[in-house]
C-alpha atoms as a PDB file:
ATOM      1  CA  MET A   1      15.726  28.193  36.336  1.00  0.00           C
ATOM      2  CA  ILE A   2      18.009  25.303  37.257  1.00  0.00           C
ATOM      3  CA  ARG A   3      15.305  22.821  37.687  1.00  0.00           C
ATOM      4  CA  ARG A   4      14.031  24.053  34.371  1.00  0.00           C
ATOM      5  CA  VAL A   5      17.291  23.607  32.564  1.00  0.00           C
ATOM      6  CA  ILE A   6      17.597  20.279  34.000  1.00  0.00           C
ATOM      7  CA  GLY A   7      14.012  19.278  33.028  1.00  0.00           C
ATOM      8  CA  LYS A   8      14.741  20.438  29.475  1.00  0.00           C
ATOM      9  CA  LEU A   9      18.054  17.939  29.422  1.00  0.00           C
ATOM     10  CA  ILE A  10      16.116  15.172  30.765  1.00  0.00           C
ATOM     11  CA  TYR A  11      13.384  15.496  28.101  1.00  0.00           C
ATOM     12  CA  ALA A  12      16.026  16.184  25.272  1.00  0.00           C
ATOM     13  CA  LEU A  13      17.876  12.792  26.398  1.00  0.00           C
ATOM     14  CA  ALA A  14      14.607  10.774  26.585  1.00  0.00           C
ATOM     15  CA  ILE A  15      13.303  11.747  23.240  1.00  0.00           C
ATOM     16  CA  LEU A  16      16.630  10.490  21.626  1.00  0.00           C
ATOM     17  CA  THR A  17      14.952   6.778  21.624  1.00  0.00           C
ATOM     18  CA  ASN A  18      11.635   5.445  21.362  1.00  0.00           C
ATOM     19  CA  GLY A  19      12.205   3.261  24.330  1.00  0.00           C
ATOM     20  CA  GLY A  20      13.492   6.505  26.451  1.00  0.00           C
ATOM     21  CA  TYR A  21      10.498   8.498  25.399  1.00  0.00           C
ATOM     22  CA  VAL A  22       8.160   5.873  26.713  1.00  0.00           C
ATOM     23  CA  LYS A  23      10.019   5.503  29.947  1.00  0.00           C
ATOM     24  CA  TYR A  24       9.904   9.240  30.295  1.00  0.00           C
ATOM     25  CA  LEU A  25       5.955   9.430  29.783  1.00  0.00           C
ATOM     26  CA  ARG A  26       5.584   6.603  32.610  1.00  0.00           C
ATOM     27  CA  ARG A  27       7.671   8.086  35.011  1.00  0.00           C
ATOM     28  CA  LYS A  28       5.385  11.579  34.593  1.00  0.00           C
ATOM     29  CA  GLY A  29       2.433   9.202  35.160  1.00  0.00           C
ATOM     30  CA  VAL A  30       1.254   8.422  31.833  1.00  0.00           C
ATOM     31  CA  GLN A  31      -0.185   4.885  31.336  1.00  0.00           C
ATOM     32  CA  VAL A  32       1.411   3.810  28.242  1.00  0.00           C
ATOM     33  CA  GLY A  33       1.060   0.113  26.965  1.00  0.00           C
ATOM     34  CA  ASP A  34       3.640  -2.305  25.056  1.00  0.00           C
ATOM     35  CA  GLY A  35       4.585  -2.002  21.533  1.00  0.00           C
ATOM     36  CA  CYS A  36       3.981   1.738  21.331  1.00  0.00           C
ATOM     37  CA  ILE A  37       5.938   3.681  18.695  1.00  0.00           C
ATOM     38  CA  PHE A  38       6.471   7.330  18.970  1.00  0.00           C
ATOM     39  CA  ARG A  39       7.895   8.657  15.306  1.00  0.00           C
ATOM     40  CA  ASN A  40       9.892  12.064  15.108  1.00  0.00           C
ATOM     41  CA  ARG A  41       9.687  12.160  18.870  1.00  0.00           C
ATOM     42  CA  ASP A  42      11.050  16.204  18.832  1.00  0.00           C
ATOM     43  CA  THR A  43       7.695  17.000  16.930  1.00  0.00           C
ATOM     44  CA  ILE A  44       5.263  15.118  19.192  1.00  0.00           C
ATOM     45  CA  ARG A  45       3.641  16.555  22.306  1.00  0.00           C
ATOM     46  CA  VAL A  46       1.924  14.502  24.961  1.00  0.00           C
ATOM     47  CA  ASP A  47       0.324  16.781  27.667  1.00  0.00           C
ATOM     48  CA  ILE A  48       1.685  15.796  30.885  1.00  0.00           C
ATOM     49  CA  THR A  49       0.316  18.648  33.086  1.00  0.00           C
ATOM     50  CA  ARG A  50      -2.124  16.183  34.302  1.00  0.00           C
ATOM     51  CA  PRO A  51      -0.762  12.712  33.460  1.00  0.00           C
ATOM     52  CA  SER A  52      -3.140  10.612  35.431  1.00  0.00           C
ATOM     53  CA  LEU A  53      -5.735  11.661  32.655  1.00  0.00           C
ATOM     54  CA  VAL A  54      -3.749  10.059  29.862  1.00  0.00           C
ATOM     55  CA  THR A  55      -4.195   6.457  28.948  1.00  0.00           C
ATOM     56  CA  ILE A  56      -2.357   4.771  26.127  1.00  0.00           C
ATOM     57  CA  GLY A  57      -3.308   0.908  25.005  1.00  0.00           C
ATOM     58  CA  ASN A  58      -0.728  -1.316  23.186  1.00  0.00           C
ATOM     59  CA  ASN A  59       0.581  -1.086  19.662  1.00  0.00           C
ATOM     60  CA  VAL A  60      -0.308   2.383  19.160  1.00  0.00           C
ATOM     61  CA  ASP A  61       1.687   4.286  16.195  1.00  0.00           C
ATOM     62  CA  PHE A  62       2.108   7.996  16.614  1.00  0.00           C
ATOM     63  CA  ASN A  63       3.376   9.943  13.686  1.00  0.00           C
ATOM     64  CA  ARG A  64       5.025  13.359  13.215  1.00  0.00           C
ATOM     65  CA  ASN A  65       3.328  16.382  14.790  1.00  0.00           C
ATOM     66  CA  PHE A  66       1.099  14.329  16.828  1.00  0.00           C
ATOM     67  CA  GLN A  67      -0.557  16.433  19.766  1.00  0.00           C
ATOM     68  CA  LEU A  68      -2.443  14.923  22.787  1.00  0.00           C
ATOM     69  CA  LEU A  69      -3.951  17.695  24.986  1.00  0.00           C
ATOM     70  CA  THR A  70      -5.920  17.161  28.368  1.00  0.00           C
ATOM     71  CA  HIS A  71      -6.783  20.702  28.888  1.00  0.00           C
ATOM     72  CA  ASP A  72      -7.265  24.126  27.229  1.00  0.00           C
ATOM     73  CA  TYR A  73      -6.853  27.855  28.456  1.00  0.00           C
ATOM     74  CA  ALA A  74     -10.223  29.104  27.021  1.00  0.00           C
ATOM     75  CA  THR A  75     -10.415  30.776  30.393  1.00  0.00           C
ATOM     76  CA  GLY A  76      -7.858  33.419  29.393  1.00  0.00           C
ATOM     77  CA  VAL A  77     -10.946  34.965  27.453  1.00  0.00           C
ATOM     78  CA  PHE A  78     -13.238  34.602  30.480  1.00  0.00           C
ATOM     79  CA  LEU A  79     -10.738  36.429  32.696  1.00  0.00           C
ATOM     80  CA  ARG A  80     -10.389  39.447  30.473  1.00  0.00           C
ATOM     81  CA  LYS A  81     -14.035  39.504  29.886  1.00  0.00           C
ATOM     82  CA  TYR A  82     -15.621  38.325  33.212  1.00  0.00           C
ATOM     83  CA  ASN A  83     -12.859  38.536  35.461  1.00  0.00           C
ATOM     84  CA  ASP A  84     -13.308  34.843  36.223  1.00  0.00           C
ATOM     85  CA  PHE A  85     -11.242  31.699  36.232  1.00  0.00           C
ATOM     86  CA  VAL A  86     -12.827  28.595  35.081  1.00  0.00           C
ATOM     87  CA  ASN A  87     -10.851  25.228  35.149  1.00  0.00           C
ATOM     88  CA  SER A  88     -11.324  23.000  31.779  1.00  0.00           C
ATOM     89  CA  SER A  89      -9.839  19.531  31.538  1.00  0.00           C
ATOM     90  CA  GLY A  90     -10.455  15.766  30.611  1.00  0.00           C
ATOM     91  CA  ALA A  91      -9.368  12.416  30.089  1.00  0.00           C
ATOM     92  CA  VAL A  92      -8.009  11.083  26.961  1.00  0.00           C
ATOM     93  CA  VAL A  93      -8.156   7.413  26.468  1.00  0.00           C
ATOM     94  CA  ILE A  94      -6.513   5.654  23.421  1.00  0.00           C
ATOM     95  CA  GLY A  95      -7.246   1.881  22.885  1.00  0.00           C
ATOM     96  CA  ASN A  96      -5.058  -0.908  21.316  1.00  0.00           C
ATOM     97  CA  ASN A  97      -3.965  -1.152  17.781  1.00  0.00           C
ATOM     98  CA  ILE A  98      -4.330   2.296  16.596  1.00  0.00           C
ATOM     99  CA  VAL A  99      -2.342   4.420  13.954  1.00  0.00           C
ATOM    100  CA  PHE A 100      -2.198   8.074  13.590  1.00  0.00           C
ATOM    101  CA  GLY A 101      -1.215   9.704  10.481  1.00  0.00           C
ATOM    102  CA  THR A 102       0.826  12.990  10.565  1.00  0.00           C
ATOM    103  CA  ASP A 103      -0.400  16.255  12.038  1.00  0.00           C
ATOM    104  CA  VAL A 104      -3.187  14.895  14.082  1.00  0.00           C
ATOM    105  CA  VAL A 105      -4.492  16.657  17.477  1.00  0.00           C
ATOM    106  CA  VAL A 106      -6.412  14.812  20.074  1.00  0.00           C
ATOM    107  CA  LEU A 107      -8.313  17.199  22.358  1.00  0.00           C
ATOM    108  CA  LYS A 108      -9.532  16.513  25.871  1.00  0.00           C
ATOM    109  CA  GLY A 109     -12.419  14.501  26.646  1.00  0.00           C
ATOM    110  CA  VAL A 110     -11.531  11.838  23.904  1.00  0.00           C
ATOM    111  CA  GLU A 111     -11.630   8.195  23.642  1.00  0.00           C
ATOM    112  CA  ILE A 112     -10.719   6.063  20.718  1.00  0.00           C
ATOM    113  CA  GLY A 113     -11.516   2.538  20.648  1.00  0.00           C
ATOM    114  CA  ASP A 114      -9.506  -0.225  19.491  1.00  0.00           C
ATOM    115  CA  ASN A 115      -8.328  -0.913  15.872  1.00  0.00           C
ATOM    116  CA  CYS A 116      -8.725   2.440  14.557  1.00  0.00           C
ATOM    117  CA  ILE A 117      -7.091   4.457  11.683  1.00  0.00           C
ATOM    118  CA  ILE A 118      -6.766   8.174  12.288  1.00  0.00           C
ATOM    119  CA  GLY A 119      -6.149  10.083   8.907  1.00  0.00           C
ATOM    120  CA  ALA A 120      -3.583  12.620   8.463  1.00  0.00           C
ATOM    121  CA  GLY A 121      -4.289  16.459   9.557  1.00  0.00           C
ATOM    122  CA  SER A 122      -7.537  15.143  11.626  1.00  0.00           C
ATOM    123  CA  ILE A 123      -8.485  17.182  14.737  1.00  0.00           C
ATOM    124  CA  VAL A 124     -10.348  14.498  17.237  1.00  0.00           C
ATOM    125  CA  SER A 125     -12.625  16.541  19.329  1.00  0.00           C
ATOM    126  CA  LYS A 126     -15.328  13.734  19.709  1.00  0.00           C
ATOM    127  CA  SER A 127     -14.848  10.219  20.735  1.00  0.00           C
ATOM    128  CA  ILE A 128     -13.947   7.702  17.863  1.00  0.00           C
ATOM    129  CA  PRO A 129     -15.716   4.124  18.091  1.00  0.00           C
ATOM    130  CA  ALA A 130     -13.470   0.869  18.043  1.00  0.00           C
ATOM    131  CA  ASN A 131     -12.690  -0.420  14.417  1.00  0.00           C
ATOM    132  CA  SER A 132     -13.297   2.783  12.627  1.00  0.00           C
ATOM    133  CA  VAL A 133     -11.384   4.805  10.021  1.00  0.00           C
ATOM    134  CA  ALA A 134     -11.829   8.766  10.923  1.00  0.00           C
ATOM    135  CA  ILE A 135     -10.517  11.757   9.126  1.00  0.00           C
ATOM    136  CA  GLY A 136     -11.338  15.397   9.016  1.00  0.00           C
ATOM    137  CA  ARG A 137     -11.339  18.541  11.092  1.00  0.00           C
ATOM    138  CA  PRO A 138     -13.253  17.532  13.293  1.00  0.00           C
ATOM    139  CA  ALA A 139     -12.571  13.951  12.457  1.00  0.00           C
ATOM    140  CA  LYS A 140     -15.601  11.928  11.724  1.00  0.00           C
ATOM    141  CA  VAL A 141     -15.983   8.140  10.939  1.00  0.00           C
ATOM    142  CA  VAL A 142     -15.754   7.410   7.301  1.00  0.00           C
ATOM    143  CA  CYS A 143     -15.969   3.727   7.185  1.00  0.00           C
ATOM    144  CA  SER A 144     -15.279   0.702   9.178  1.00  0.00           C
ATOM    145  CA  VAL A 145     -11.714  -0.677   9.415  1.00  0.00           C
ATOM    146  CA  ASP A 146     -13.365  -4.035   7.654  1.00  0.00           C
ATOM    147  CA  ASP A 147     -14.610  -2.076   5.050  1.00  0.00           C
ATOM    148  CA  PHE A 148     -11.124  -0.141   4.394  1.00  0.00           C
ATOM    149  CA  TYR A 149      -9.292  -3.354   4.620  1.00  0.00           C
ATOM    150  CA  GLU A 150     -11.300  -4.905   1.571  1.00  0.00           C
ATOM    151  CA  ARG A 151     -10.806  -1.728  -0.266  1.00  0.00           C
ATOM    152  CA  ARG A 152      -7.009  -1.284   0.253  1.00  0.00           C
ATOM    153  CA  LYS A 153      -6.749  -5.242  -0.663  1.00  0.00           C
ATOM    154  CA  ARG A 154      -8.365  -4.149  -3.968  1.00  0.00           C
ATOM    155  CA  GLU A 155      -6.419  -0.930  -4.498  1.00  0.00           C
ATOM    156  CA  SER A 156      -3.061  -2.355  -3.499  1.00  0.00           C
ATOM    157  CA  ILE A 157      -2.597  -4.177  -6.538  1.00  0.00           C
ATOM    158  CA  ASN A 158      -3.076  -1.278  -9.118  1.00  0.00           C
ATOM    159  CA  GLU A 159      -0.976   0.795  -6.931  1.00  0.00           C
ATOM    160  CA  ALA A 160       2.002  -1.782  -7.067  1.00  0.00           C
ATOM    161  CA  PHE A 161       1.570  -1.942 -10.932  1.00  0.00           C
ATOM    162  CA  GLU A 162       1.943   1.961 -11.009  1.00  0.00           C
ATOM    163  CA  TYR A 163       4.783   1.758  -8.672  1.00  0.00           C
ATOM    164  CA  ALA A 164       6.753  -1.043 -11.041  1.00  0.00           C
ATOM    165  CA  ASN A 165       5.780   1.107 -14.239  1.00  0.00           C
ATOM    166  CA  SER A 166       7.347   4.102 -12.757  1.00  0.00           C
ATOM    167  CA  ILE A 167      10.550   2.485 -12.056  1.00  0.00           C
ATOM    168  CA  ILE A 168      10.726   1.403 -15.492  1.00  0.00           C
ATOM    169  CA  GLN A 169       9.726   5.059 -16.932  1.00  0.00           C
ATOM    170  CA  ARG A 170      11.982   6.837 -14.667  1.00  0.00           C
ATOM    171  CA  PHE A 171      14.987   4.535 -14.622  1.00  0.00           C
ATOM    172  CA  HIS A 172      14.676   2.878 -17.922  1.00  0.00           C
ATOM    173  CA  ARG A 173      15.367  -0.614 -16.420  1.00  0.00           C
ATOM    174  CA  GLU A 174      13.578  -3.779 -14.957  1.00  0.00           C
ATOM    175  CA  PRO A 175      12.638  -3.323 -11.467  1.00  0.00           C
ATOM    176  CA  TYR A 176      14.303  -5.262  -8.644  1.00  0.00           C
ATOM    177  CA  TYR A 177      12.089  -7.440  -6.454  1.00  0.00           C
ATOM    178  CA  GLU A 178      13.959  -6.035  -3.478  1.00  0.00           C
ATOM    179  CA  GLU A 179      12.293  -2.657  -4.065  1.00  0.00           C
ATOM    180  CA  PHE A 180       8.959  -4.052  -3.283  1.00  0.00           C
ATOM    181  CA  TYR A 181       9.554  -4.307   0.328  1.00  0.00           C
ATOM    182  CA  GLU A 182       5.805  -3.420   1.073  1.00  0.00           C
ATOM    183  CA  GLU A 183       4.237  -4.965  -2.073  1.00  0.00           C
ATOM    184  CA  PHE A 184       5.723  -8.392  -1.305  1.00  0.00           C
ATOM    185  CA  PRO A 185       2.404 -10.151  -0.330  1.00  0.00           C
ATOM    186  CA  LEU A 186       1.379  -9.812  -4.025  1.00  0.00           C
ATOM    187  CA  PHE A 187       3.733 -12.438  -5.164  1.00  0.00           C
ATOM    188  CA  VAL A 188       5.138 -13.896  -2.074  1.00  0.00           C
ATOM    189  CA  ASP A 189       3.971 -16.833   0.084  1.00  0.00           C
ATOM    190  CA  SER A 190       5.088 -19.839   1.921  1.00  0.00           C
ATOM    191  CA  ARG A 191       5.595 -21.598  -1.422  1.00  0.00           C
ATOM    192  CA  ASN A 192       8.129 -19.338  -2.866  1.00  0.00           C
ATOM    193  CA  ILE A 193       9.283 -17.147   0.052  1.00  0.00           C
ATOM    194  CA  ASP A 194      13.104 -18.824  -0.018  1.00  0.00           C
ATOM    195  CA  LYS A 195      13.512 -17.074  -3.445  1.00  0.00           C
ATOM    196  CA  TYR A 196      13.487 -13.572  -1.875  1.00  0.00           C
ATOM    197  CA  PRO A 197      15.914 -13.319   0.869  1.00  0.00           C
ATOM    198  CA  LYS A 198      16.462  -9.630   0.467  1.00  0.00           C
ATOM    199  CA  LEU A 199      12.945  -8.732   1.444  1.00  0.00           C
ATOM    200  CA  PRO A 200      12.448  -7.701   5.056  1.00  0.00           C
ATOM    201  CA  ILE A 201       9.314 -10.058   5.173  1.00  0.00           C
ATOM    202  CA  ALA A 202       9.803 -11.157   9.009  1.00  0.00           C
ATOM    203  CA  ARG A 203      10.514  -7.601  10.188  1.00  0.00           C
ATOM    204  CA  GLN A 204       7.721  -6.337   8.109  1.00  0.00           C
ATOM    205  CA  LEU A 205       5.064  -8.545   9.537  1.00  0.00           C
ATOM    206  CA  GLY A 206       6.261  -8.662  13.163  1.00  0.00           C
ATOM    207  CA  ASP A 207       4.354 -11.059  15.333  1.00  0.00           C
ATOM    208  CA  SER A 208       1.974 -11.841  12.567  1.00  0.00           C
ATOM    209  CA  TYR A 209       4.683 -13.428  10.533  1.00  0.00           C
ATOM    210  CA  GLU A 210       3.724 -17.261  11.399  1.00  0.00           C
ATOM    211  CA  ALA A 211       0.015 -16.981  10.697  1.00  0.00           C
ATOM    212  CA  TRP A 212       0.733 -15.054   7.523  1.00  0.00           C
ATOM    213  CA  LEU A 213       2.760 -17.753   6.506  1.00  0.00           C
ATOM    214  CA  LYS A 214      -0.021 -20.528   7.171  1.00  0.00           C
ATOM    215  CA  THR A 215      -2.802 -18.354   5.523  1.00  0.00           C
ATOM    216  CA  HIS A 216      -1.771 -16.162   2.961  1.00  0.00           C
ATOM    217  CA  LYS A 217      -2.021 -17.041  -0.773  1.00  0.00           C
ATOM    218  CA  ALA A 218      -0.255 -14.490  -2.948  1.00  0.00           C
ATOM    219  CA  VAL A 219      -2.279 -13.267  -6.246  1.00  0.00           C
ATOM    220  CA  PHE A 220       0.704 -13.785  -8.353  1.00  0.00           C
ATOM    221  CA  SER A 221       2.979 -17.074  -8.623  1.00  0.00           C
ATOM    222  CA  ASP A 222       6.084 -15.108  -8.382  1.00  0.00           C
ATOM    223  CA  PHE A 223       7.636 -11.717  -9.186  1.00  0.00           C
ATOM    224  CA  ASN A 224       8.004 -12.252 -12.751  1.00  0.00           C
ATOM    225  CA  GLU A 225       4.330 -12.862 -13.229  1.00  0.00           C
ATOM    226  CA  PHE A 226       3.546  -9.851 -11.096  1.00  0.00           C
ATOM    227  CA  LEU A 227       5.857  -7.882 -13.122  1.00  0.00           C
ATOM    228  CA  GLU A 228       4.437  -9.053 -16.465  1.00  0.00           C
ATOM    229  CA  ALA A 229       0.810  -8.117 -15.304  1.00  0.00           C
ATOM    230  CA  ALA A 230       2.014  -4.750 -14.366  1.00  0.00           C
ATOM    231  CA  LYS A 231       3.381  -4.225 -17.797  1.00  0.00           C
ATOM    232  CA  ARG A 232       0.222  -5.334 -19.327  1.00  0.00           C
ATOM    233  CA  HIS A 233      -1.831  -2.933 -16.867  1.00  0.00           C
ATOM    234  CA  LYS A 234       0.325  -0.064 -18.445  1.00  0.00           C
ATOM    235  CA  THR A 235      -0.707  -0.831 -22.080  1.00  0.00           C
ATOM    236  CA  ASN A 236      -4.483  -1.258 -21.348  1.00  0.00           C
END
């Protein structure tokens, strides 16, 4: 009983910070790479009953209500029906540069390749190849990351227009540029970045900041041109 209470206390302290939780998993024997983010850690469950079966790569983003399971208890039915106990477990391997939406469950025996996006609410019961976007219950590949990237680049413009016009309609004022802390690539690049000191550009871009500065070209010359285009889009 005392050991259980101490264990719960150690866990409660560990989930207070992302780094603390990563250290906790590693101490338990789970292999966790660098740059991993566990959001809403009080809702996340990583199965540590068999920690040697769990391998997590670098730069993996785990969202609210994520669950990773290395075993199941189907044998509970076998016990009552056949009076027999049959073990059930399998390794889970998660590659590098992966984002999980909310409410994702990853079941035993699954491998997820590098550079994948797993949509919200998915149940991953089969392996997902690298460079894929997968969603569903069970999760299935719907497109490649390359295709999804190109689609998102196109759709992001209209979404930013919609956001700008929603501010005008809801608050009856002109939008402020600092409200576009995710939409900034549409009107910011190396030519005008100094005009927008309130945008968290370096933080948003992380390690890609320097490369982005060298290669990125904004669709619009500045925020004013973007805003005028948004207003025209609303009237069309």
